[in-house]
Amino acid sequence: MSTLNKQKSLWHIYILKCSDESLYTGITTDLIRRVDEHNNSAKGAKYTRIRRPVELIYSEGCEDKSSASKREHEIKKLSRIQKLKLIK
């Protein structure tokens, strides 16, 4: 997992492990806030709200929202096995 960077301009792609062992991929500028939202708020994704608690298991940084969105799309196309290999 990459180290958390407090720069506002840095975007993060992240993967969460849900309570049912499924994986969720998203992007954010603030990992700590976003994981908290997934676990404790109505702002969490509909997918994760019914699969709480979630755990951050992977993240990587991107320079801007466009590159983060492209990378998120690439990761979402991967199979579960491929995602698990990426995480390790």
C-alpha atoms as a PDB file:
ATOM      1  CA  MET A   1       0.000   0.000   0.000  1.00  0.00           C
ATOM      2  CA  SER A   2       1.361   3.420  -0.857  1.00  0.00           C
ATOM      3  CA  THR A   3       2.006   5.919   1.896  1.00  0.00           C
ATOM      4  CA  LEU A   4      -0.671   8.477   2.540  1.00  0.00           C
ATOM      5  CA  ASN A   5       0.132  11.825   0.999  1.00  0.00           C
ATOM      6  CA  LYS A   6      -1.590  14.937   2.317  1.00  0.00           C
ATOM      7  CA  GLN A   7      -1.228  16.940  -0.911  1.00  0.00           C
ATOM      8  CA  LYS A   8      -4.660  18.123  -2.028  1.00  0.00           C
ATOM      9  CA  SER A   9      -3.814  17.669  -5.709  1.00  0.00           C
ATOM     10  CA  LEU A  10      -2.871  13.992  -5.327  1.00  0.00           C
ATOM     11  CA  TRP A  11      -5.578  11.501  -6.210  1.00  0.00           C
ATOM     12  CA  HIS A  12      -5.683   7.960  -4.880  1.00  0.00           C
ATOM     13  CA  ILE A  13      -7.060   4.785  -6.388  1.00  0.00           C
ATOM     14  CA  TYR A  14      -8.034   2.402  -3.625  1.00  0.00           C
ATOM     15  CA  ILE A  15      -9.355  -1.098  -3.122  1.00  0.00           C
ATOM     16  CA  LEU A  16     -11.487  -2.032  -0.138  1.00  0.00           C
ATOM     17  CA  LYS A  17     -12.196  -5.510   1.169  1.00  0.00           C
ATOM     18  CA  CYS A  18     -15.828  -5.720   2.241  1.00  0.00           C
ATOM     19  CA  SER A  19     -17.250  -7.858   5.048  1.00  0.00           C
ATOM     20  CA  ASP A  20     -18.441 -10.434   2.487  1.00  0.00           C
ATOM     21  CA  GLU A  21     -14.851 -10.655   1.120  1.00  0.00           C
ATOM     22  CA  SER A  22     -15.794  -8.815  -2.090  1.00  0.00           C
ATOM     23  CA  LEU A  23     -13.542  -6.046  -3.413  1.00  0.00           C
ATOM     24  CA  TYR A  24     -14.544  -2.443  -4.140  1.00  0.00           C
ATOM     25  CA  THR A  25     -12.416  -0.006  -6.172  1.00  0.00           C
ATOM     26  CA  GLY A  26     -12.716   3.777  -6.093  1.00  0.00           C
ATOM     27  CA  ILE A  27     -10.848   7.086  -6.278  1.00  0.00           C
ATOM     28  CA  THR A  28     -10.521   9.968  -3.834  1.00  0.00           C
ATOM     29  CA  THR A  29      -8.308  12.856  -2.767  1.00  0.00           C
ATOM     30  CA  ASP A  30      -8.550  11.885   0.923  1.00  0.00           C
ATOM     31  CA  LEU A  31      -8.216   8.175   1.724  1.00  0.00           C
ATOM     32  CA  ILE A  32      -8.859   8.429   5.454  1.00  0.00           C
ATOM     33  CA  ARG A  33     -12.040  10.454   4.998  1.00  0.00           C
ATOM     34  CA  ARG A  34     -13.321   8.235   2.189  1.00  0.00           C
ATOM     35  CA  VAL A  35     -12.782   4.952   4.057  1.00  0.00           C
ATOM     36  CA  ASP A  36     -14.552   6.487   7.054  1.00  0.00           C
ATOM     37  CA  GLU A  37     -17.466   7.447   4.775  1.00  0.00           C
ATOM     38  CA  HIS A  38     -17.659   3.916   3.401  1.00  0.00           C
ATOM     39  CA  ASN A  39     -17.827   2.555   6.961  1.00  0.00           C
ATOM     40  CA  ASN A  40     -19.882   5.156   8.809  1.00  0.00           C
ATOM     41  CA  SER A  41     -21.817   7.459   6.516  1.00  0.00           C
ATOM     42  CA  ALA A  42     -24.592   7.563   3.958  1.00  0.00           C
ATOM     43  CA  LYS A  43     -21.942   9.099   1.681  1.00  0.00           C
ATOM     44  CA  GLY A  44     -20.359   5.675   1.335  1.00  0.00           C
ATOM     45  CA  ALA A  45     -21.090   3.890  -1.927  1.00  0.00           C
ATOM     46  CA  LYS A  46     -24.369   1.970  -2.029  1.00  0.00           C
ATOM     47  CA  TYR A  47     -22.314  -1.179  -2.694  1.00  0.00           C
ATOM     48  CA  THR A  48     -20.267  -0.814   0.485  1.00  0.00           C
ATOM     49  CA  ARG A  49     -23.100   0.416   2.739  1.00  0.00           C
ATOM     50  CA  ILE A  50     -24.595  -3.076   2.788  1.00  0.00           C
ATOM     51  CA  ARG A  51     -21.205  -4.782   3.133  1.00  0.00           C
ATOM     52  CA  ARG A  52     -19.781  -2.999   6.171  1.00  0.00           C
ATOM     53  CA  PRO A  53     -17.280  -2.944   7.660  1.00  0.00           C
ATOM     54  CA  VAL A  54     -14.806  -2.360   4.870  1.00  0.00           C
ATOM     55  CA  GLU A  55     -11.022  -2.389   5.113  1.00  0.00           C
ATOM     56  CA  LEU A  56      -8.531  -0.479   2.963  1.00  0.00           C
ATOM     57  CA  ILE A  57      -6.225  -3.091   1.449  1.00  0.00           C
ATOM     58  CA  TYR A  58      -4.557  -1.202  -1.415  1.00  0.00           C
ATOM     59  CA  SER A  59      -3.940   2.302  -2.712  1.00  0.00           C
ATOM     60  CA  GLU A  60      -1.806   4.030  -5.293  1.00  0.00           C
ATOM     61  CA  GLY A  61      -1.374   7.701  -6.113  1.00  0.00           C
ATOM     62  CA  CYS A  62      -2.047   9.609  -9.322  1.00  0.00           C
ATOM     63  CA  GLU A  63      -1.241  13.174 -10.297  1.00  0.00           C
ATOM     64  CA  ASP A  64      -4.756  14.198 -11.371  1.00  0.00           C
ATOM     65  CA  LYS A  65      -8.386  13.091 -11.488  1.00  0.00           C
ATOM     66  CA  SER A  66      -8.201  12.090 -15.151  1.00  0.00           C
ATOM     67  CA  SER A  67      -5.319   9.655 -14.677  1.00  0.00           C
ATOM     68  CA  ALA A  68      -6.908   8.331 -11.471  1.00  0.00           C
ATOM     69  CA  SER A  69     -10.182   7.664 -13.291  1.00  0.00           C
ATOM     70  CA  LYS A  70      -8.376   5.876 -16.111  1.00  0.00           C
ATOM     71  CA  ARG A  71      -6.440   3.716 -13.652  1.00  0.00           C
ATOM     72  CA  GLU A  72      -9.631   2.988 -11.677  1.00  0.00           C
ATOM     73  CA  HIS A  73     -11.269   1.786 -14.896  1.00  0.00           C
ATOM     74  CA  GLU A  74      -8.267  -0.467 -15.649  1.00  0.00           C
ATOM     75  CA  ILE A  75      -8.409  -2.001 -12.180  1.00  0.00           C
ATOM     76  CA  LYS A  76     -12.173  -2.516 -12.300  1.00  0.00           C
ATOM     77  CA  LYS A  77     -11.740  -4.540 -15.491  1.00  0.00           C
ATOM     78  CA  LEU A  78      -9.370  -6.968 -13.727  1.00  0.00           C
ATOM     79  CA  SER A  79     -10.610 -10.292 -12.391  1.00  0.00           C
ATOM     80  CA  ARG A  80     -10.637 -10.866  -8.644  1.00  0.00           C
ATOM     81  CA  ILE A  81      -7.509 -13.023  -8.970  1.00  0.00           C
ATOM     82  CA  GLN A  82      -5.717 -10.284 -10.911  1.00  0.00           C
ATOM     83  CA  LYS A  83      -6.725  -7.685  -8.302  1.00  0.00           C
ATOM     84  CA  LEU A  84      -5.383  -9.888  -5.512  1.00  0.00           C
ATOM     85  CA  LYS A  85      -2.076 -10.265  -7.398  1.00  0.00           C
ATOM     86  CA  LEU A  86      -1.905  -6.450  -7.762  1.00  0.00           C
ATOM     87  CA  ILE A  87      -2.409  -6.045  -4.024  1.00  0.00           C
ATOM     88  CA  LYS A  88       0.449  -8.424  -3.132  1.00  0.00           C
END
